[in-house]
């Protein structure tokens, strides 16, 4: 693991749609040492990678992520707002995002919610064997939830 280096904020968000698989893959390709990403929960309890409370700015949809099901979110185009060449890019689940992250880079995971979300994020990180590379950025409620998983 690197002891210092470059953090790709929401992946390669300058050139790719933020917090998408395309942005994460590009950040890795460019040599990022850390990737920052944001995690929120859908109405039906799935973990998705999305910075904003709503899908409005970074997709062709409308509404709060917490009021949409995974099925509804997966229908949205999360790439065209950035460029036509990213048409069809989807909002990834947290597990989908982790799947494209190499084991030798740091993960800066921003938890956008409370204790339940903190616990769920920590559980996925543990199950996916990513504890050695993950930092959690969160409020005190999410931190308490995350601490329950160890």
C-alpha atoms as a PDB file:
ATOM      1  CA  UNK A   1       0.000   0.000   0.000  1.00  0.00           C
ATOM      2  CA  UNK A   2       1.311   3.477  -0.762  1.00  0.00           C
ATOM      3  CA  UNK A   3       2.142   5.704   2.199  1.00  0.00           C
ATOM      4  CA  UNK A   4       1.021   8.819   0.325  1.00  0.00           C
ATOM      5  CA  UNK A   5      -0.159   9.821  -3.103  1.00  0.00           C
ATOM      6  CA  UNK A   6      -3.043  10.994  -5.253  1.00  0.00           C
ATOM      7  CA  UNK A   7      -6.701  10.651  -4.227  1.00  0.00           C
ATOM      8  CA  UNK A   8      -9.215  10.498  -7.064  1.00  0.00           C
ATOM      9  CA  UNK A   9     -12.258  12.363  -5.745  1.00  0.00           C
ATOM     10  CA  UNK A  10     -15.359  10.426  -6.888  1.00  0.00           C
ATOM     11  CA  UNK A  11     -13.048   8.666  -9.334  1.00  0.00           C
ATOM     12  CA  UNK A  12     -11.755  10.534 -12.376  1.00  0.00           C
ATOM     13  CA  UNK A  13     -14.633  12.993 -12.085  1.00  0.00           C
ATOM     14  CA  UNK A  14     -13.058  15.732 -14.200  1.00  0.00           C
ATOM     15  CA  UNK A  15     -13.269  13.613 -17.333  1.00  0.00           C
ATOM     16  CA  UNK A  16     -15.806  10.911 -16.409  1.00  0.00           C
ATOM     17  CA  UNK A  17     -19.216  10.894 -14.711  1.00  0.00           C
ATOM     18  CA  UNK A  18     -18.515  10.982 -10.978  1.00  0.00           C
ATOM     19  CA  UNK A  19     -18.917   7.927  -8.767  1.00  0.00           C
ATOM     20  CA  UNK A  20     -19.376   5.548 -11.706  1.00  0.00           C
ATOM     21  CA  UNK A  21     -17.524   2.414 -12.728  1.00  0.00           C
ATOM     22  CA  UNK A  22     -16.076   4.329 -15.696  1.00  0.00           C
ATOM     23  CA  UNK A  23     -14.697   7.024 -13.362  1.00  0.00           C
ATOM     24  CA  UNK A  24     -13.209   4.471 -10.972  1.00  0.00           C
ATOM     25  CA  UNK A  25     -11.564   2.443 -13.741  1.00  0.00           C
ATOM     26  CA  UNK A  26     -10.079   5.593 -15.256  1.00  0.00           C
ATOM     27  CA  UNK A  27      -8.730   6.720 -11.877  1.00  0.00           C
ATOM     28  CA  UNK A  28      -7.033   3.346 -11.437  1.00  0.00           C
ATOM     29  CA  UNK A  29      -5.685   3.535 -15.001  1.00  0.00           C
ATOM     30  CA  UNK A  30      -4.239   6.992 -14.281  1.00  0.00           C
ATOM     31  CA  UNK A  31      -2.447   5.662 -11.202  1.00  0.00           C
ATOM     32  CA  UNK A  32      -4.540   6.973  -8.314  1.00  0.00           C
ATOM     33  CA  UNK A  33      -3.365   5.745  -4.908  1.00  0.00           C
ATOM     34  CA  UNK A  34      -6.752   6.348  -3.284  1.00  0.00           C
ATOM     35  CA  UNK A  35     -10.313   6.621  -4.511  1.00  0.00           C
ATOM     36  CA  UNK A  36     -12.952   8.603  -2.642  1.00  0.00           C
ATOM     37  CA  UNK A  37     -16.551   7.493  -3.097  1.00  0.00           C
ATOM     38  CA  UNK A  38     -19.893   8.170  -1.424  1.00  0.00           C
ATOM     39  CA  UNK A  39     -22.390   5.546  -0.258  1.00  0.00           C
ATOM     40  CA  UNK A  40     -26.130   5.990   0.251  1.00  0.00           C
ATOM     41  CA  UNK A  41     -29.040   3.607   0.763  1.00  0.00           C
ATOM     42  CA  UNK A  42     -32.032   3.018  -1.500  1.00  0.00           C
ATOM     43  CA  UNK A  43     -35.620   2.672  -0.344  1.00  0.00           C
ATOM     44  CA  UNK A  44     -35.261  -1.117  -0.375  1.00  0.00           C
ATOM     45  CA  UNK A  45     -31.999  -1.149   1.574  1.00  0.00           C
ATOM     46  CA  UNK A  46     -29.364  -1.480  -1.158  1.00  0.00           C
ATOM     47  CA  UNK A  47     -26.050   0.385  -0.958  1.00  0.00           C
ATOM     48  CA  UNK A  48     -25.375   2.651  -3.931  1.00  0.00           C
ATOM     49  CA  UNK A  49     -22.497   4.938  -4.809  1.00  0.00           C
ATOM     50  CA  UNK A  50     -23.876   8.463  -5.130  1.00  0.00           C
ATOM     51  CA  UNK A  51     -22.758  11.781  -3.673  1.00  0.00           C
ATOM     52  CA  UNK A  52     -25.966  13.790  -3.764  1.00  0.00           C
ATOM     53  CA  UNK A  53     -29.120  13.095  -1.813  1.00  0.00           C
ATOM     54  CA  UNK A  54     -31.020  13.082  -5.112  1.00  0.00           C
ATOM     55  CA  UNK A  55     -30.320  11.544  -8.516  1.00  0.00           C
ATOM     56  CA  UNK A  56     -31.287  14.806 -10.240  1.00  0.00           C
ATOM     57  CA  UNK A  57     -27.849  16.292 -10.999  1.00  0.00           C
ATOM     58  CA  UNK A  58     -25.993  13.160 -12.114  1.00  0.00           C
ATOM     59  CA  UNK A  59     -28.638  11.142 -13.946  1.00  0.00           C
ATOM     60  CA  UNK A  60     -31.695  11.465 -16.140  1.00  0.00           C
ATOM     61  CA  UNK A  61     -33.923  10.760 -13.138  1.00  0.00           C
ATOM     62  CA  UNK A  62     -35.526  12.758 -10.373  1.00  0.00           C
ATOM     63  CA  UNK A  63     -35.947  12.121  -6.686  1.00  0.00           C
ATOM     64  CA  UNK A  64     -34.187  11.213  -3.484  1.00  0.00           C
ATOM     65  CA  UNK A  65     -32.160   8.020  -3.555  1.00  0.00           C
ATOM     66  CA  UNK A  66     -33.787   6.984  -0.272  1.00  0.00           C
ATOM     67  CA  UNK A  67     -37.193   7.050  -1.984  1.00  0.00           C
ATOM     68  CA  UNK A  68     -36.168   4.963  -5.019  1.00  0.00           C
ATOM     69  CA  UNK A  69     -35.743   1.191  -5.275  1.00  0.00           C
ATOM     70  CA  UNK A  70     -32.620  -0.437  -6.665  1.00  0.00           C
ATOM     71  CA  UNK A  71     -34.619  -1.500  -9.721  1.00  0.00           C
ATOM     72  CA  UNK A  72     -35.696   2.106 -10.363  1.00  0.00           C
ATOM     73  CA  UNK A  73     -32.174   3.472  -9.911  1.00  0.00           C
ATOM     74  CA  UNK A  74     -30.653   0.853 -12.225  1.00  0.00           C
ATOM     75  CA  UNK A  75     -32.883   2.147 -15.053  1.00  0.00           C
ATOM     76  CA  UNK A  76     -31.277   5.596 -14.884  1.00  0.00           C
ATOM     77  CA  UNK A  77     -28.565   6.889 -17.207  1.00  0.00           C
ATOM     78  CA  UNK A  78     -25.776   8.252 -15.012  1.00  0.00           C
ATOM     79  CA  UNK A  79     -23.379   9.090 -17.828  1.00  0.00           C
ATOM     80  CA  UNK A  80     -25.027  11.285 -20.462  1.00  0.00           C
ATOM     81  CA  UNK A  81     -25.038  14.388 -18.252  1.00  0.00           C
ATOM     82  CA  UNK A  82     -21.226  14.359 -18.527  1.00  0.00           C
ATOM     83  CA  UNK A  83     -20.873  13.358 -22.178  1.00  0.00           C
ATOM     84  CA  UNK A  84     -22.703  11.367 -24.840  1.00  0.00           C
ATOM     85  CA  UNK A  85     -19.829   8.878 -24.846  1.00  0.00           C
ATOM     86  CA  UNK A  86     -20.875   7.786 -21.329  1.00  0.00           C
ATOM     87  CA  UNK A  87     -24.514   7.169 -22.246  1.00  0.00           C
ATOM     88  CA  UNK A  88     -25.826   4.118 -20.460  1.00  0.00           C
ATOM     89  CA  UNK A  89     -23.438   4.318 -17.513  1.00  0.00           C
ATOM     90  CA  UNK A  90     -25.302   3.285 -14.367  1.00  0.00           C
ATOM     91  CA  UNK A  91     -25.167   4.281 -10.723  1.00  0.00           C
ATOM     92  CA  UNK A  92     -23.172   1.399  -9.231  1.00  0.00           C
ATOM     93  CA  UNK A  93     -23.893  -0.568  -6.109  1.00  0.00           C
ATOM     94  CA  UNK A  94     -21.190  -0.404  -3.466  1.00  0.00           C
ATOM     95  CA  UNK A  95     -20.216  -4.025  -4.211  1.00  0.00           C
ATOM     96  CA  UNK A  96     -19.977  -3.280  -7.950  1.00  0.00           C
ATOM     97  CA  UNK A  97     -17.654  -0.374  -7.180  1.00  0.00           C
ATOM     98  CA  UNK A  98     -15.489  -2.467  -4.860  1.00  0.00           C
ATOM     99  CA  UNK A  99     -15.205  -5.139  -7.552  1.00  0.00           C
ATOM    100  CA  UNK A 100     -13.232  -2.786  -9.833  1.00  0.00           C
ATOM    101  CA  UNK A 101     -10.941  -1.448  -7.101  1.00  0.00           C
ATOM    102  CA  UNK A 102      -7.510  -3.075  -6.895  1.00  0.00           C
ATOM    103  CA  UNK A 103      -6.483  -4.399  -3.479  1.00  0.00           C
ATOM    104  CA  UNK A 104      -3.418  -2.130  -3.400  1.00  0.00           C
ATOM    105  CA  UNK A 105      -5.128   1.271  -3.306  1.00  0.00           C
ATOM    106  CA  UNK A 106      -6.763   3.093  -0.429  1.00  0.00           C
ATOM    107  CA  UNK A 107     -10.531   3.517  -0.332  1.00  0.00           C
ATOM    108  CA  UNK A 108     -11.958   6.675   1.235  1.00  0.00           C
ATOM    109  CA  UNK A 109     -15.610   5.763   1.773  1.00  0.00           C
ATOM    110  CA  UNK A 110     -17.957   8.613   2.695  1.00  0.00           C
ATOM    111  CA  UNK A 111     -21.023   7.249   4.462  1.00  0.00           C
ATOM    112  CA  UNK A 112     -24.023   9.452   3.698  1.00  0.00           C
ATOM    113  CA  UNK A 113     -26.362   8.309   6.452  1.00  0.00           C
ATOM    114  CA  UNK A 114     -26.717   7.096  10.016  1.00  0.00           C
ATOM    115  CA  UNK A 115     -25.935   4.050  12.138  1.00  0.00           C
ATOM    116  CA  UNK A 116     -27.690   1.476   9.949  1.00  0.00           C
ATOM    117  CA  UNK A 117     -25.825   2.630   6.846  1.00  0.00           C
ATOM    118  CA  UNK A 118     -22.530   2.697   8.751  1.00  0.00           C
ATOM    119  CA  UNK A 119     -23.075  -0.875   9.896  1.00  0.00           C
ATOM    120  CA  UNK A 120     -24.043  -2.052   6.403  1.00  0.00           C
ATOM    121  CA  UNK A 121     -21.024  -0.395   4.758  1.00  0.00           C
ATOM    122  CA  UNK A 122     -18.644  -1.861   7.346  1.00  0.00           C
ATOM    123  CA  UNK A 123     -20.217  -5.301   6.876  1.00  0.00           C
ATOM    124  CA  UNK A 124     -19.693  -5.193   3.094  1.00  0.00           C
ATOM    125  CA  UNK A 125     -16.101  -3.993   3.495  1.00  0.00           C
ATOM    126  CA  UNK A 126     -15.454  -6.857   5.910  1.00  0.00           C
ATOM    127  CA  UNK A 127     -17.177  -9.473   3.720  1.00  0.00           C
ATOM    128  CA  UNK A 128     -15.257  -8.284   0.663  1.00  0.00           C
ATOM    129  CA  UNK A 129     -11.973  -8.451   2.620  1.00  0.00           C
ATOM    130  CA  UNK A 130     -11.210  -4.747   2.139  1.00  0.00           C
ATOM    131  CA  UNK A 131     -10.589  -3.733   5.784  1.00  0.00           C
ATOM    132  CA  UNK A 132      -6.858  -3.265   5.115  1.00  0.00           C
ATOM    133  CA  UNK A 133      -7.502  -0.519   2.590  1.00  0.00           C
ATOM    134  CA  UNK A 134     -10.665   1.300   3.702  1.00  0.00           C
ATOM    135  CA  UNK A 135     -11.119   4.551   5.581  1.00  0.00           C
ATOM    136  CA  UNK A 136     -14.622   5.601   6.572  1.00  0.00           C
ATOM    137  CA  UNK A 137     -15.615   9.265   6.606  1.00  0.00           C
ATOM    138  CA  UNK A 138     -18.891   9.711   8.432  1.00  0.00           C
ATOM    139  CA  UNK A 139     -20.855  11.319  11.208  1.00  0.00           C
ATOM    140  CA  UNK A 140     -20.913   9.977  14.746  1.00  0.00           C
ATOM    141  CA  UNK A 141     -24.062   7.855  14.244  1.00  0.00           C
ATOM    142  CA  UNK A 142     -22.612   6.083  11.210  1.00  0.00           C
ATOM    143  CA  UNK A 143     -19.325   5.613  13.070  1.00  0.00           C
ATOM    144  CA  UNK A 144     -21.138   3.918  15.954  1.00  0.00           C
ATOM    145  CA  UNK A 145     -22.885   1.616  13.489  1.00  0.00           C
ATOM    146  CA  UNK A 146     -19.630   0.794  11.700  1.00  0.00           C
ATOM    147  CA  UNK A 147     -17.902  -0.002  15.001  1.00  0.00           C
ATOM    148  CA  UNK A 148     -20.447  -2.762  15.615  1.00  0.00           C
ATOM    149  CA  UNK A 149     -18.806  -4.742  12.790  1.00  0.00           C
ATOM    150  CA  UNK A 150     -15.354  -5.959  13.807  1.00  0.00           C
END
